Protein backbone atom coordinates (compact mmCIF):
# COMPACT_ATOMS: atom_id res chain seq x y z
CA MET A 1 43.65 44.81 -40.87
CA LEU A 2 40.05 44.36 -42.15
CA LYS A 3 40.71 43.83 -45.46
CA GLY A 4 37.37 42.16 -46.28
CA ILE A 5 33.02 40.97 -45.30
CA ILE A 6 31.46 37.95 -46.04
CA PHE A 7 28.16 38.66 -45.93
CA ASP A 8 25.22 36.55 -45.45
CA VAL A 9 21.99 37.31 -47.48
CA ASP A 10 18.48 36.23 -46.73
CA GLU A 11 17.02 37.76 -43.45
CA THR A 12 20.09 39.74 -44.24
CA LEU A 13 20.26 41.93 -46.97
CA VAL A 14 16.77 40.40 -48.10
CA TYR A 15 13.24 39.83 -46.65
CA TYR A 16 10.60 37.68 -46.99
CA GLU A 17 7.59 39.00 -46.39
CA GLY A 18 5.11 36.11 -44.21
CA TYR A 19 7.49 33.32 -45.22
CA ASP A 20 6.37 30.33 -43.17
CA HIS A 21 8.76 27.78 -43.45
CA LYS A 22 6.47 24.38 -43.43
CA LYS A 23 3.72 25.81 -45.27
CA TRP A 24 6.20 26.51 -47.88
CA PHE A 25 7.24 22.48 -48.07
CA GLU A 26 4.01 21.71 -47.67
CA GLU A 27 2.68 24.11 -50.25
CA TRP A 28 5.34 24.03 -52.96
CA VAL A 29 7.90 21.61 -52.01
CA LYS A 30 6.20 18.03 -51.11
CA PRO A 31 3.76 17.98 -54.85
CA GLU A 32 6.88 18.37 -56.65
CA LEU A 33 8.62 15.37 -54.73
CA GLU A 34 5.21 13.33 -54.83
CA ARG A 35 5.94 14.03 -58.90
CA HIS A 36 9.39 12.76 -58.44
CA ARG A 37 8.07 9.72 -56.71
CA ILE A 38 9.88 11.05 -53.55
CA ASN A 39 8.16 10.55 -50.51
CA LEU A 40 9.55 13.10 -47.30
CA ASP A 41 8.05 14.65 -44.81
CA TYR A 42 8.42 18.09 -43.41
CA GLU A 43 10.05 16.81 -39.67
CA LEU A 44 12.67 14.56 -41.76
CA TYR A 45 13.64 17.69 -44.43
CA SER A 46 13.47 19.96 -41.40
CA LYS A 47 16.41 17.77 -39.12
CA THR A 48 18.29 17.64 -42.73
CA ALA A 49 17.82 20.85 -43.76
CA ARG A 50 19.07 22.70 -40.48
CA LEU A 51 21.85 19.72 -40.22
CA GLU A 52 20.75 18.12 -37.21
CA LEU A 53 21.29 14.96 -40.22
CA PRO A 54 23.62 15.05 -42.55
CA ARG A 55 21.93 15.49 -45.50
CA THR A 56 22.78 12.25 -47.26
CA TYR A 57 20.97 10.65 -44.47
CA VAL A 58 18.35 10.48 -47.42
CA ARG A 59 20.05 7.53 -48.67
CA LYS A 60 18.96 5.83 -46.46
CA LEU A 61 15.64 5.95 -47.99
CA GLY A 62 16.85 5.23 -51.69
CA ILE A 63 17.07 9.14 -51.94
CA ASP A 64 19.75 11.03 -54.27
CA PRO A 65 19.91 13.62 -51.85
CA VAL A 66 22.00 15.44 -54.49
CA GLU A 67 18.94 14.59 -57.00
CA LEU A 68 16.81 15.67 -53.67
CA TRP A 69 18.23 19.08 -53.29
CA LYS A 70 18.62 20.54 -56.88
CA ILE A 71 14.98 19.10 -56.67
CA ILE A 72 13.79 21.11 -53.99
CA ASP A 73 16.20 24.13 -54.94
CA ALA A 74 14.38 24.14 -58.24
CA VAL A 75 11.09 24.59 -56.43
CA ASN A 76 13.23 27.21 -54.23
CA ASN A 77 13.70 29.29 -57.86
CA ARG A 78 10.43 29.18 -59.17
CA TYR A 79 8.93 30.31 -55.35
CA ARG A 80 11.17 32.96 -55.05
CA LYS A 81 10.26 34.38 -58.87
CA ARG A 82 6.82 34.39 -57.59
CA MET A 83 7.00 36.17 -54.19
CA LEU A 84 9.37 38.32 -56.08
CA ALA A 85 6.26 39.19 -59.00
CA LYS A 86 4.45 39.78 -55.83
CA GLY A 87 6.23 41.93 -53.95
CA LYS A 88 6.69 39.58 -51.14
CA ILE A 89 10.47 39.97 -51.36
CA LYS A 90 12.26 42.66 -49.91
CA ALA A 91 15.42 44.43 -49.79
CA PHE A 92 16.13 46.23 -46.69
CA SER A 93 16.28 49.77 -46.87
CA ASP A 94 20.04 50.12 -45.24
CA VAL A 95 21.34 47.94 -48.08
CA SER A 96 22.57 51.02 -49.91
CA ALA A 97 25.00 51.12 -46.85
CA LEU A 98 27.46 48.27 -49.31
CA GLU A 99 28.40 51.24 -51.83
CA GLU A 100 30.10 52.83 -48.96
CA LEU A 101 31.79 49.85 -47.52
CA LYS A 102 32.76 49.57 -51.27
CA LYS A 103 34.20 52.92 -51.67
CA LEU A 104 36.44 51.46 -47.92
CA ASN A 105 38.40 49.48 -50.36
CA LEU A 106 36.92 46.11 -48.75
CA ARG A 107 36.46 42.43 -50.55
CA LEU A 108 32.91 41.75 -50.13
CA ALA A 109 31.37 38.35 -50.34
CA ALA A 110 27.63 37.25 -50.53
CA VAL A 111 27.57 33.85 -49.26
CA SER A 112 24.00 31.53 -48.44
CA ASN A 113 23.46 28.53 -47.77
CA ALA A 114 20.85 28.87 -50.47
CA SER A 115 21.44 27.74 -54.54
CA LEU A 116 23.63 29.68 -56.14
CA GLU A 117 21.21 30.46 -58.64
CA ASN A 118 19.18 31.53 -55.69
CA THR A 119 20.54 33.59 -54.64
CA LEU A 120 21.99 35.66 -57.90
CA LEU A 121 18.24 35.55 -58.29
CA VAL A 122 17.44 38.02 -55.16
CA LEU A 123 20.96 39.45 -55.01
CA ARG A 124 20.45 40.86 -59.05
CA ALA A 125 16.71 41.66 -58.85
CA PHE A 126 17.66 44.32 -55.92
CA ASP A 127 21.14 45.50 -57.73
CA LEU A 128 22.84 44.06 -54.68
CA GLU A 129 25.51 41.93 -56.85
CA LYS A 130 27.62 44.78 -58.22
CA TYR A 131 28.59 45.45 -54.78
CA PHE A 132 30.03 41.69 -54.59
CA ASP A 133 33.74 40.48 -55.20
CA LEU A 134 32.27 36.61 -54.72
CA VAL A 135 28.64 35.51 -54.89
CA LEU A 136 28.71 31.63 -53.04
CA GLY A 137 25.63 29.47 -52.41
CA LYS A 138 25.47 25.91 -51.76
CA ASP A 139 28.01 23.20 -53.01
CA TYR A 140 26.46 20.64 -54.60
CA SER A 141 29.84 18.30 -54.09
CA ASN A 142 29.30 19.34 -49.87
CA LEU A 143 25.81 19.21 -48.78
CA ASP A 144 27.39 19.58 -45.42
CA GLY A 145 29.06 22.34 -45.37
CA VAL A 146 26.38 24.32 -45.27
CA LYS A 147 26.44 26.88 -42.36
CA PRO A 148 26.84 26.36 -39.49
CA SER A 149 29.29 24.50 -40.90
CA PRO A 150 32.69 26.80 -42.01
CA TYR A 151 32.87 24.79 -45.17
CA LEU A 152 31.33 27.91 -47.33
CA ILE A 153 33.22 30.92 -45.02
CA GLN A 154 36.86 29.16 -45.45
CA LYS A 155 35.76 28.69 -49.68
CA ALA A 156 35.17 32.52 -49.46
CA LEU A 157 38.11 33.28 -47.58
CA LYS A 158 40.03 31.19 -50.10
CA MET A 159 39.21 33.02 -53.02
CA LEU A 160 39.06 36.30 -51.99
CA HIS A 161 42.39 35.47 -50.91
CA LEU A 162 42.07 36.61 -46.79
CA ARG A 163 43.18 35.14 -43.55
CA PRO A 164 40.19 34.28 -41.14
CA GLU A 165 41.99 37.40 -39.09
CA GLU A 166 41.61 39.82 -42.17
CA ALA A 167 37.57 39.43 -42.12
CA LEU A 168 34.41 39.87 -40.70
CA VAL A 169 31.38 37.51 -41.20
CA VAL A 170 28.00 39.31 -40.98
CA GLY A 171 25.04 37.97 -40.22
CA ASP A 172 21.31 37.85 -38.67
CA SER A 173 21.25 34.03 -37.30
CA SER A 174 23.29 31.82 -34.83
CA ASN A 175 24.22 29.74 -37.83
CA ASP A 176 25.70 32.65 -39.60
CA VAL A 177 27.99 33.18 -36.51
CA LEU A 178 29.01 29.69 -35.91
CA ALA A 179 30.58 29.06 -39.20
CA ALA A 180 32.54 31.91 -38.51
CA HIS A 181 33.84 31.18 -35.34
CA ARG A 182 34.74 27.67 -36.97
CA ALA A 183 36.07 29.16 -39.27
CA GLY A 184 38.64 31.50 -37.22
CA VAL A 185 36.86 34.32 -38.09
CA LYS A 186 34.61 37.55 -35.54
CA ALA A 187 31.56 37.63 -36.12
CA VAL A 188 28.99 40.39 -36.42
CA ASN A 189 25.08 40.23 -35.23
CA VAL A 190 23.10 42.51 -37.27
CA VAL A 191 20.17 42.57 -35.04
CA ARG A 192 17.04 42.93 -36.89
CA PHE A 193 15.01 39.79 -35.69
CA GLY A 194 16.71 39.53 -31.60
CA LYS A 195 20.26 39.20 -30.50
CA VAL A 196 21.91 35.83 -30.97
CA ASN A 197 24.37 34.96 -28.25
CA GLY A 198 28.03 34.36 -29.25
CA ALA A 199 28.91 37.43 -31.61
CA ASP A 200 31.64 39.42 -31.22
CA TYR A 201 29.78 42.47 -32.38
CA TYR A 202 25.99 43.86 -32.43
CA VAL A 203 24.53 46.50 -35.13
CA LYS A 204 20.96 48.09 -35.75
CA ASP A 205 21.29 47.83 -39.15
CA LEU A 206 24.09 48.13 -41.66
CA TRP A 207 25.56 51.48 -41.36
CA GLU A 208 25.95 50.77 -37.87
CA LEU A 209 28.24 47.62 -39.60
CA VAL A 210 30.24 50.76 -41.32
CA GLU A 211 30.78 52.91 -38.83
CA LEU A 212 32.09 49.84 -36.48
CA VAL A 213 34.10 48.72 -39.54
CA LYS A 214 35.64 52.45 -40.11
CA SER A 215 36.45 52.32 -36.45
CA MET A 216 38.71 48.89 -37.44
CA LEU A 217 40.64 50.63 -40.45
């Protein structure tokens, strides 16, 4: 029986208007890395961010991976605060469906590859934290544990006292689907930006998710 739902955050609950990943790196991250005398180009950063290379790979360049990601996350925090002030980060209109899911006595978690601080920043900006029993961000003790690794999903299951068959993972990307399946959990793809192959269920928005969940209960 379904007892809990684990949500992705960025592009599932909130979105970033006009966001360009490479532009963000070049304008925000690279100058800060240079101030710390860290030389890292966008291509290598992207490969480690997407786990095409392990995040510990940068040790080969004489860079401490934990220090690197803490610098990047601090920059991201400043960026998010600026974009929130400009109204460029927005919650999807259907996030009000979270209230309906809470009424169904489900345990809800928000799990993001972003740092916990940055995840809470955007959730609190739209008063969404109140819906979640648990919020998880990247774990600096396991930098390669971000999605598509199952690590954060498994951690959420353990903390919510759920078995894999008692949960769903809801997200927008292939990383969410892969992380869910690697943890033995069924995945729901919210089709905001196109359908992701391999999901167990597809919904157009969170209200359709509510109907799906009710049918399971």
